[in-house]
Amino acid sequence: MRNARLKALRDQYQDSSRFVLGNGKVLRVALGKTASDEYQQNLHEVSDRMAGNSGLFFTNLPDAEVCHTWQYLRLGIACIHILVPT
């Protein structure tokens, strides 16, 4: 991770969360581009939203805490999508 703020965030949530950062094309292949080649059910819908340099944040934390943390750090990254597994 190249950004010191992201490193601090990763260290802060090390026990409850995981970050996956990388090129959107690579992440799309890893998640699955279509329903027939996706890793888990409906992950191709997540991969459709990835473009350029992208990241995923997997956590058990409540939605409000996650969005507040991202906004507080002012990383220039918007908290746009919160997906809850069903």
PDB file of N, CA and C in Angstrom:
ATOM      1  N   MET A   1       0.846  -1.165   0.000  1.00  0.00           N
ATOM      2  CA  MET A   1       0.000   0.000   0.000  1.00  0.00           C
ATOM      3  C   MET A   1       0.893   1.229   0.000  1.00  0.00           C
ATOM      4  N   ARG A   2       0.601   2.147  -0.861  1.00  0.00           N
ATOM      5  CA  ARG A   2       1.495   3.286  -1.036  1.00  0.00           C
ATOM      6  C   ARG A   2       1.104   4.507  -0.218  1.00  0.00           C
ATOM      7  N   ASN A   3      -0.108   4.541   0.268  1.00  0.00           N
ATOM      8  CA  ASN A   3      -0.584   5.699   0.990  1.00  0.00           C
ATOM      9  C   ASN A   3      -0.481   5.446   2.498  1.00  0.00           C
ATOM     10  N   ALA A   4       0.118   6.384   3.218  1.00  0.00           N
ATOM     11  CA  ALA A   4       0.306   6.214   4.654  1.00  0.00           C
ATOM     12  C   ALA A   4      -1.030   6.124   5.393  1.00  0.00           C
ATOM     13  N   ARG A   5      -2.040   6.860   4.926  1.00  0.00           N
ATOM     14  CA  ARG A   5      -3.352   6.799   5.570  1.00  0.00           C
ATOM     15  C   ARG A   5      -3.994   5.429   5.392  1.00  0.00           C
ATOM     16  N   LEU A   6      -3.841   4.855   4.218  1.00  0.00           N
ATOM     17  CA  LEU A   6      -4.388   3.515   3.986  1.00  0.00           C
ATOM     18  C   LEU A   6      -3.657   2.474   4.825  1.00  0.00           C
ATOM     19  N   LYS A   7      -2.355   2.657   4.989  1.00  0.00           N
ATOM     20  CA  LYS A   7      -1.598   1.745   5.842  1.00  0.00           C
ATOM     21  C   LYS A   7      -2.098   1.819   7.283  1.00  0.00           C
ATOM     22  N   ALA A   8      -2.342   3.037   7.756  1.00  0.00           N
ATOM     23  CA  ALA A   8      -2.846   3.214   9.118  1.00  0.00           C
ATOM     24  C   ALA A   8      -4.233   2.589   9.260  1.00  0.00           C
ATOM     25  N   LEU A   9      -5.066   2.761   8.253  1.00  0.00           N
ATOM     26  CA  LEU A   9      -6.403   2.178   8.282  1.00  0.00           C
ATOM     27  C   LEU A   9      -6.326   0.658   8.284  1.00  0.00           C
ATOM     28  N   ARG A  10      -5.449   0.118   7.486  1.00  0.00           N
ATOM     29  CA  ARG A  10      -5.269  -1.333   7.440  1.00  0.00           C
ATOM     30  C   ARG A  10      -4.817  -1.867   8.800  1.00  0.00           C
ATOM     31  N   ASP A  11      -3.890  -1.178   9.434  1.00  0.00           N
ATOM     32  CA  ASP A  11      -3.420  -1.595  10.758  1.00  0.00           C
ATOM     33  C   ASP A  11      -4.529  -1.488  11.812  1.00  0.00           C
ATOM     34  N   GLN A  12      -5.339  -0.436  11.706  1.00  0.00           N
ATOM     35  CA  GLN A  12      -6.414  -0.212  12.668  1.00  0.00           C
ATOM     36  C   GLN A  12      -7.469  -1.322  12.607  1.00  0.00           C
ATOM     37  N   TYR A  13      -7.797  -1.766  11.397  1.00  0.00           N
ATOM     38  CA  TYR A  13      -8.853  -2.765  11.216  1.00  0.00           C
ATOM     39  C   TYR A  13      -8.308  -4.146  10.871  1.00  0.00           C
ATOM     40  N   GLN A  14      -7.100  -4.409  11.256  1.00  0.00           N
ATOM     41  CA  GLN A  14      -6.428  -5.667  10.932  1.00  0.00           C
ATOM     42  C   GLN A  14      -7.188  -6.894  11.430  1.00  0.00           C
ATOM     43  N   ASP A  15      -7.802  -6.799  12.594  1.00  0.00           N
ATOM     44  CA  ASP A  15      -8.475  -7.956  13.189  1.00  0.00           C
ATOM     45  C   ASP A  15      -9.870  -8.220  12.625  1.00  0.00           C
ATOM     46  N   SER A  16     -10.542  -7.177  12.117  1.00  0.00           N
ATOM     47  CA  SER A  16     -11.933  -7.337  11.702  1.00  0.00           C
ATOM     48  C   SER A  16     -12.165  -7.164  10.209  1.00  0.00           C
ATOM     49  N   SER A  17     -11.126  -6.817   9.448  1.00  0.00           N
ATOM     50  CA  SER A  17     -11.348  -6.460   8.043  1.00  0.00           C
ATOM     51  C   SER A  17     -10.202  -6.904   7.144  1.00  0.00           C
ATOM     52  N   ARG A  18     -10.474  -6.892   5.846  1.00  0.00           N
ATOM     53  CA  ARG A  18      -9.455  -7.199   4.842  1.00  0.00           C
ATOM     54  C   ARG A  18      -9.577  -6.220   3.682  1.00  0.00           C
ATOM     55  N   PHE A  19      -8.447  -5.787   3.169  1.00  0.00           N
ATOM     56  CA  PHE A  19      -8.393  -4.925   2.000  1.00  0.00           C
ATOM     57  C   PHE A  19      -7.893  -5.715   0.801  1.00  0.00           C
ATOM     58  N   VAL A  20      -8.467  -5.444  -0.339  1.00  0.00           N
ATOM     59  CA  VAL A  20      -7.964  -5.987  -1.594  1.00  0.00           C
ATOM     60  C   VAL A  20      -7.864  -4.799  -2.544  1.00  0.00           C
ATOM     61  N   LEU A  21      -6.650  -4.446  -2.922  1.00  0.00           N
ATOM     62  CA  LEU A  21      -6.411  -3.309  -3.805  1.00  0.00           C
ATOM     63  C   LEU A  21      -5.703  -3.781  -5.064  1.00  0.00           C
ATOM     64  N   GLY A  22      -6.032  -3.169  -6.193  1.00  0.00           N
ATOM     65  CA  GLY A  22      -5.342  -3.530  -7.416  1.00  0.00           C
ATOM     66  C   GLY A  22      -6.009  -2.961  -8.652  1.00  0.00           C
ATOM     67  N   ASN A  23      -5.520  -3.405  -9.764  1.00  0.00           N
ATOM     68  CA  ASN A  23      -6.058  -2.995 -11.044  1.00  0.00           C
ATOM     69  C   ASN A  23      -7.448  -3.595 -11.221  1.00  0.00           C
ATOM     70  N   GLY A  24      -8.386  -2.789 -11.726  1.00  0.00           N
ATOM     71  CA  GLY A  24      -9.758  -3.247 -11.898  1.00  0.00           C
ATOM     72  C   GLY A  24      -9.884  -4.472 -12.771  1.00  0.00           C
ATOM     73  N   LYS A  25      -9.081  -4.556 -13.826  1.00  0.00           N
ATOM     74  CA  LYS A  25      -9.156  -5.710 -14.723  1.00  0.00           C
ATOM     75  C   LYS A  25      -8.742  -6.990 -14.014  1.00  0.00           C
ATOM     76  N   VAL A  26      -7.703  -6.912 -13.206  1.00  0.00           N
ATOM     77  CA  VAL A  26      -7.229  -8.084 -12.474  1.00  0.00           C
ATOM     78  C   VAL A  26      -8.267  -8.516 -11.438  1.00  0.00           C
ATOM     79  N   LEU A  27      -8.828  -7.559 -10.710  1.00  0.00           N
ATOM     80  CA  LEU A  27      -9.842  -7.880  -9.717  1.00  0.00           C
ATOM     81  C   LEU A  27     -11.096  -8.458 -10.363  1.00  0.00           C
ATOM     82  N   ARG A  28     -11.449  -7.956 -11.537  1.00  0.00           N
ATOM     83  CA  ARG A  28     -12.616  -8.490 -12.242  1.00  0.00           C
ATOM     84  C   ARG A  28     -12.410  -9.949 -12.605  1.00  0.00           C
ATOM     85  N   VAL A  29     -11.224 -10.304 -13.039  1.00  0.00           N
ATOM     86  CA  VAL A  29     -10.938 -11.700 -13.377  1.00  0.00           C
ATOM     87  C   VAL A  29     -10.993 -12.556 -12.110  1.00  0.00           C
ATOM     88  N   ALA A  30     -10.442 -12.040 -11.008  1.00  0.00           N
ATOM     89  CA  ALA A  30     -10.432 -12.798  -9.763  1.00  0.00           C
ATOM     90  C   ALA A  30     -11.846 -13.044  -9.230  1.00  0.00           C
ATOM     91  N   LEU A  31     -12.715 -12.048  -9.332  1.00  0.00           N
ATOM     92  CA  LEU A  31     -14.078 -12.184  -8.840  1.00  0.00           C
ATOM     93  C   LEU A  31     -14.967 -12.960  -9.807  1.00  0.00           C
ATOM     94  N   GLY A  32     -14.688 -12.783 -11.085  1.00  0.00           N
ATOM     95  CA  GLY A  32     -15.494 -13.415 -12.127  1.00  0.00           C
ATOM     96  C   GLY A  32     -16.207 -12.357 -12.941  1.00  0.00           C
ATOM     97  N   LYS A  33     -16.025 -12.401 -14.246  1.00  0.00           N
ATOM     98  CA  LYS A  33     -16.637 -11.401 -15.116  1.00  0.00           C
ATOM     99  C   LYS A  33     -18.100 -11.705 -15.419  1.00  0.00           C
ATOM    100  N   THR A  34     -18.448 -12.960 -15.422  1.00  0.00           N
ATOM    101  CA  THR A  34     -19.820 -13.373 -15.738  1.00  0.00           C
ATOM    102  C   THR A  34     -20.324 -14.338 -14.669  1.00  0.00           C
ATOM    103  N   ALA A  35     -21.605 -14.607 -14.706  1.00  0.00           N
ATOM    104  CA  ALA A  35     -22.210 -15.519 -13.733  1.00  0.00           C
ATOM    105  C   ALA A  35     -21.622 -16.927 -13.829  1.00  0.00           C
ATOM    106  N   SER A  36     -21.187 -17.310 -15.017  1.00  0.00           N
ATOM    107  CA  SER A  36     -20.664 -18.666 -15.194  1.00  0.00           C
ATOM    108  C   SER A  36     -19.250 -18.855 -14.637  1.00  0.00           C
ATOM    109  N   ASP A  37     -18.474 -17.778 -14.508  1.00  0.00           N
ATOM    110  CA  ASP A  37     -17.100 -17.937 -14.012  1.00  0.00           C
ATOM    111  C   ASP A  37     -16.832 -17.198 -12.696  1.00  0.00           C
ATOM    112  N   GLU A  38     -17.878 -16.779 -11.994  1.00  0.00           N
ATOM    113  CA  GLU A  38     -17.688 -16.059 -10.734  1.00  0.00           C
ATOM    114  C   GLU A  38     -17.254 -16.999  -9.618  1.00  0.00           C
ATOM    115  N   TYR A  39     -16.513 -16.450  -8.657  1.00  0.00           N
ATOM    116  CA  TYR A  39     -15.984 -17.224  -7.532  1.00  0.00           C
ATOM    117  C   TYR A  39     -17.099 -17.608  -6.564  1.00  0.00           C
ATOM    118  N   GLN A  40     -17.955 -16.668  -6.246  1.00  0.00           N
ATOM    119  CA  GLN A  40     -19.123 -16.888  -5.381  1.00  0.00           C
ATOM    120  C   GLN A  40     -20.335 -16.279  -6.082  1.00  0.00           C
ATOM    121  N   GLN A  41     -21.504 -16.659  -5.668  1.00  0.00           N
ATOM    122  CA  GLN A  41     -22.724 -16.194  -6.295  1.00  0.00           C
ATOM    123  C   GLN A  41     -22.826 -14.670  -6.252  1.00  0.00           C
ATOM    124  N   ASN A  42     -23.142 -14.071  -7.387  1.00  0.00           N
ATOM    125  CA  ASN A  42     -23.375 -12.631  -7.584  1.00  0.00           C
ATOM    126  C   ASN A  42     -22.125 -11.753  -7.510  1.00  0.00           C
ATOM    127  N   LEU A  43     -20.933 -12.327  -7.442  1.00  0.00           N
ATOM    128  CA  LEU A  43     -19.724 -11.500  -7.439  1.00  0.00           C
ATOM    129  C   LEU A  43     -19.479 -10.832  -8.782  1.00  0.00           C
ATOM    130  N   HIS A  44     -20.014 -11.372  -9.847  1.00  0.00           N
ATOM    131  CA  HIS A  44     -19.834 -10.712 -11.144  1.00  0.00           C
ATOM    132  C   HIS A  44     -20.497  -9.337 -11.157  1.00  0.00           C
ATOM    133  N   GLU A  45     -21.518  -9.138 -10.310  1.00  0.00           N
ATOM    134  CA  GLU A  45     -22.147  -7.818 -10.216  1.00  0.00           C
ATOM    135  C   GLU A  45     -21.211  -6.801  -9.574  1.00  0.00           C
ATOM    136  N   VAL A  46     -20.389  -7.235  -8.641  1.00  0.00           N
ATOM    137  CA  VAL A  46     -19.385  -6.354  -8.034  1.00  0.00           C
ATOM    138  C   VAL A  46     -18.309  -6.031  -9.061  1.00  0.00           C
ATOM    139  N   SER A  47     -17.861  -7.038  -9.791  1.00  0.00           N
ATOM    140  CA  SER A  47     -16.786  -6.822 -10.764  1.00  0.00           C
ATOM    141  C   SER A  47     -17.220  -5.888 -11.890  1.00  0.00           C
ATOM    142  N   ASP A  48     -18.510  -5.835 -12.196  1.00  0.00           N
ATOM    143  CA  ASP A  48     -19.002  -4.918 -13.230  1.00  0.00           C
ATOM    144  C   ASP A  48     -18.780  -3.458 -12.846  1.00  0.00           C
ATOM    145  N   ARG A  49     -18.697  -3.166 -11.564  1.00  0.00           N
ATOM    146  CA  ARG A  49     -18.551  -1.784 -11.081  1.00  0.00           C
ATOM    147  C   ARG A  49     -17.095  -1.347 -10.947  1.00  0.00           C
ATOM    148  N   MET A  50     -16.156  -2.240 -11.195  1.00  0.00           N
ATOM    149  CA  MET A  50     -14.747  -1.917 -11.006  1.00  0.00           C
ATOM    150  C   MET A  50     -14.134  -1.414 -12.309  1.00  0.00           C
ATOM    151  N   ALA A  51     -13.377  -0.318 -12.188  1.00  0.00           N
ATOM    152  CA  ALA A  51     -12.678   0.246 -13.341  1.00  0.00           C
ATOM    153  C   ALA A  51     -11.428   0.952 -12.832  1.00  0.00           C
ATOM    154  N   GLY A  52     -10.366   0.886 -13.600  1.00  0.00           N
ATOM    155  CA  GLY A  52      -9.119   1.532 -13.184  1.00  0.00           C
ATOM    156  C   GLY A  52      -8.571   0.892 -11.926  1.00  0.00           C
ATOM    157  N   ASN A  53      -7.873   1.669 -11.124  1.00  0.00           N
ATOM    158  CA  ASN A  53      -7.386   1.163  -9.843  1.00  0.00           C
ATOM    159  C   ASN A  53      -8.562   1.097  -8.885  1.00  0.00           C
ATOM    160  N   SER A  54      -8.782  -0.071  -8.325  1.00  0.00           N
ATOM    161  CA  SER A  54      -9.953  -0.296  -7.484  1.00  0.00           C
ATOM    162  C   SER A  54      -9.549  -0.975  -6.189  1.00  0.00           C
ATOM    163  N   GLY A  55     -10.475  -0.985  -5.257  1.00  0.00           N
ATOM    164  CA  GLY A  55     -10.231  -1.664  -4.006  1.00  0.00           C
ATOM    165  C   GLY A  55     -11.511  -2.187  -3.403  1.00  0.00           C
ATOM    166  N   LEU A  56     -11.368  -3.224  -2.628  1.00  0.00           N
ATOM    167  CA  LEU A  56     -12.489  -3.806  -1.895  1.00  0.00           C
ATOM    168  C   LEU A  56     -12.129  -3.835  -0.422  1.00  0.00           C
ATOM    169  N   PHE A  57     -13.099  -3.572   0.411  1.00  0.00           N
ATOM    170  CA  PHE A  57     -12.913  -3.568   1.860  1.00  0.00           C
ATOM    171  C   PHE A  57     -13.946  -4.523   2.439  1.00  0.00           C
ATOM    172  N   PHE A  58     -13.487  -5.668   2.936  1.00  0.00           N
ATOM    173  CA  PHE A  58     -14.358  -6.673   3.529  1.00  0.00           C
ATOM    174  C   PHE A  58     -14.290  -6.529   5.047  1.00  0.00           C
ATOM    175  N   THR A  59     -15.460  -6.424   5.687  1.00  0.00           N
ATOM    176  CA  THR A  59     -15.465  -6.202   7.128  1.00  0.00           C
ATOM    177  C   THR A  59     -16.738  -6.715   7.780  1.00  0.00           C
ATOM    178  N   ASN A  60     -16.672  -6.882   9.088  1.00  0.00           N
ATOM    179  CA  ASN A  60     -17.831  -7.237   9.897  1.00  0.00           C
ATOM    180  C   ASN A  60     -18.424  -5.995  10.575  1.00  0.00           C
ATOM    181  N   LEU A  61     -17.828  -4.855  10.367  1.00  0.00           N
ATOM    182  CA  LEU A  61     -18.227  -3.633  11.055  1.00  0.00           C
ATOM    183  C   LEU A  61     -19.556  -3.094  10.528  1.00  0.00           C
ATOM    184  N   PRO A  62     -20.271  -2.306  11.345  1.00  0.00           N
ATOM    185  CA  PRO A  62     -21.524  -1.692  10.901  1.00  0.00           C
ATOM    186  C   PRO A  62     -21.289  -0.682   9.777  1.00  0.00           C
ATOM    187  N   ASP A  63     -22.281  -0.517   8.924  1.00  0.00           N
ATOM    188  CA  ASP A  63     -22.189   0.389   7.774  1.00  0.00           C
ATOM    189  C   ASP A  63     -21.787   1.805   8.177  1.00  0.00           C
ATOM    190  N   ALA A  64     -22.424   2.335   9.208  1.00  0.00           N
ATOM    191  CA  ALA A  64     -22.168   3.719   9.619  1.00  0.00           C
ATOM    192  C   ALA A  64     -20.716   3.923  10.029  1.00  0.00           C
ATOM    193  N   GLU A  65     -20.146   2.972  10.729  1.00  0.00           N
ATOM    194  CA  GLU A  65     -18.749   3.100  11.170  1.00  0.00           C
ATOM    195  C   GLU A  65     -17.794   3.089   9.975  1.00  0.00           C
ATOM    196  N   VAL A  66     -18.079   2.248   9.006  1.00  0.00           N
ATOM    197  CA  VAL A  66     -17.221   2.163   7.821  1.00  0.00           C
ATOM    198  C   VAL A  66     -17.260   3.467   7.036  1.00  0.00           C
ATOM    199  N   CYS A  67     -18.441   3.974   6.738  1.00  0.00           N
ATOM    200  CA  CYS A  67     -18.549   5.227   5.976  1.00  0.00           C
ATOM    201  C   CYS A  67     -17.952   6.397   6.743  1.00  0.00           C
ATOM    202  N   HIS A  68     -18.172   6.452   8.054  1.00  0.00           N
ATOM    203  CA  HIS A  68     -17.614   7.532   8.865  1.00  0.00           C
ATOM    204  C   HIS A  68     -16.084   7.503   8.811  1.00  0.00           C
ATOM    205  N   THR A  69     -15.505   6.328   8.895  1.00  0.00           N
ATOM    206  CA  THR A  69     -14.053   6.189   8.867  1.00  0.00           C
ATOM    207  C   THR A  69     -13.492   6.675   7.541  1.00  0.00           C
ATOM    208  N   TRP A  70     -14.097   6.273   6.437  1.00  0.00           N
ATOM    209  CA  TRP A  70     -13.605   6.689   5.117  1.00  0.00           C
ATOM    210  C   TRP A  70     -13.724   8.188   4.939  1.00  0.00           C
ATOM    211  N   GLN A  71     -14.830   8.778   5.393  1.00  0.00           N
ATOM    212  CA  GLN A  71     -15.019  10.224   5.254  1.00  0.00           C
ATOM    213  C   GLN A  71     -14.067  10.984   6.161  1.00  0.00           C
ATOM    214  N   TYR A  72     -13.823  10.472   7.356  1.00  0.00           N
ATOM    215  CA  TYR A  72     -12.940  11.128   8.307  1.00  0.00           C
ATOM    216  C   TYR A  72     -11.507  11.205   7.785  1.00  0.00           C
ATOM    217  N   LEU A  73     -11.047  10.161   7.126  1.00  0.00           N
ATOM    218  CA  LEU A  73      -9.674  10.125   6.645  1.00  0.00           C
ATOM    219  C   LEU A  73      -9.443  11.016   5.436  1.00  0.00           C
ATOM    220  N   ARG A  74     -10.514  11.414   4.769  1.00  0.00           N
ATOM    221  CA  ARG A  74     -10.423  12.282   3.593  1.00  0.00           C
ATOM    222  C   ARG A  74      -9.425  11.735   2.583  1.00  0.00           C
ATOM    223  N   LEU A  75      -9.640  10.511   2.212  1.00  0.00           N
ATOM    224  CA  LEU A  75      -8.734   9.855   1.274  1.00  0.00           C
ATOM    225  C   LEU A  75      -9.016  10.234  -0.169  1.00  0.00           C
ATOM    226  N   GLY A  76     -10.081  10.975  -0.391  1.00  0.00           N
ATOM    227  CA  GLY A  76     -10.475  11.255  -1.764  1.00  0.00           C
ATOM    228  C   GLY A  76     -11.238  10.088  -2.357  1.00  0.00           C
ATOM    229  N   ILE A  77     -11.684   9.199  -1.484  1.00  0.00           N
ATOM    230  CA  ILE A  77     -12.422   8.025  -1.911  1.00  0.00           C
ATOM    231  C   ILE A  77     -13.807   8.107  -1.295  1.00  0.00           C
ATOM    232  N   ALA A  78     -14.822   8.004  -2.108  1.00  0.00           N
ATOM    233  CA  ALA A  78     -16.183   8.072  -1.593  1.00  0.00           C
ATOM    234  C   ALA A  78     -16.648   6.692  -1.145  1.00  0.00           C
ATOM    235  N   CYS A  79     -17.445   6.683  -0.111  1.00  0.00           N
ATOM    236  CA  CYS A  79     -18.069   5.453   0.345  1.00  0.00           C
ATOM    237  C   CYS A  79     -19.345   5.304  -0.478  1.00  0.00           C
ATOM    238  N   ILE A  80     -19.247   4.632  -1.586  1.00  0.00           N
ATOM    239  CA  ILE A  80     -20.345   4.603  -2.540  1.00  0.00           C
ATOM    240  C   ILE A  80     -21.239   3.384  -2.350  1.00  0.00           C
ATOM    241  N   HIS A  81     -20.655   2.230  -2.265  1.00  0.00           N
ATOM    242  CA  HIS A  81     -21.444   0.996  -2.238  1.00  0.00           C
ATOM    243  C   HIS A  81     -21.156   0.201  -0.979  1.00  0.00           C
ATOM    244  N   ILE A  82     -22.218  -0.172  -0.326  1.00  0.00           N
ATOM    245  CA  ILE A  82     -22.103  -1.099   0.786  1.00  0.00           C
ATOM    246  C   ILE A  82     -22.949  -2.301   0.420  1.00  0.00           C
ATOM    247  N   LEU A  83     -22.294  -3.419   0.285  1.00  0.00           N
ATOM    248  CA  LEU A  83     -22.961  -4.659  -0.093  1.00  0.00           C
ATOM    249  C   LEU A  83     -23.035  -5.556   1.117  1.00  0.00           C
ATOM    250  N   VAL A  84     -24.196  -6.050   1.383  1.00  0.00           N
ATOM    251  CA  VAL A  84     -24.408  -6.932   2.513  1.00  0.00           C
ATOM    252  C   VAL A  84     -24.757  -8.314   1.972  1.00  0.00           C
ATOM    253  N   PRO A  85     -23.978  -9.323   2.325  1.00  0.00           N
ATOM    254  CA  PRO A  85     -24.289 -10.672   1.819  1.00  0.00           C
ATOM    255  C   PRO A  85     -25.612 -11.167   2.381  1.00  0.00           C
ATOM    256  N   THR A  86     -26.315 -11.885   1.558  1.00  0.00           N
ATOM    257  CA  THR A  86     -27.602 -12.438   1.998  1.00  0.00           C
ATOM    258  C   THR A  86     -27.557 -13.936   2.018  1.00  0.00           C
TER     259      THR A  86
END
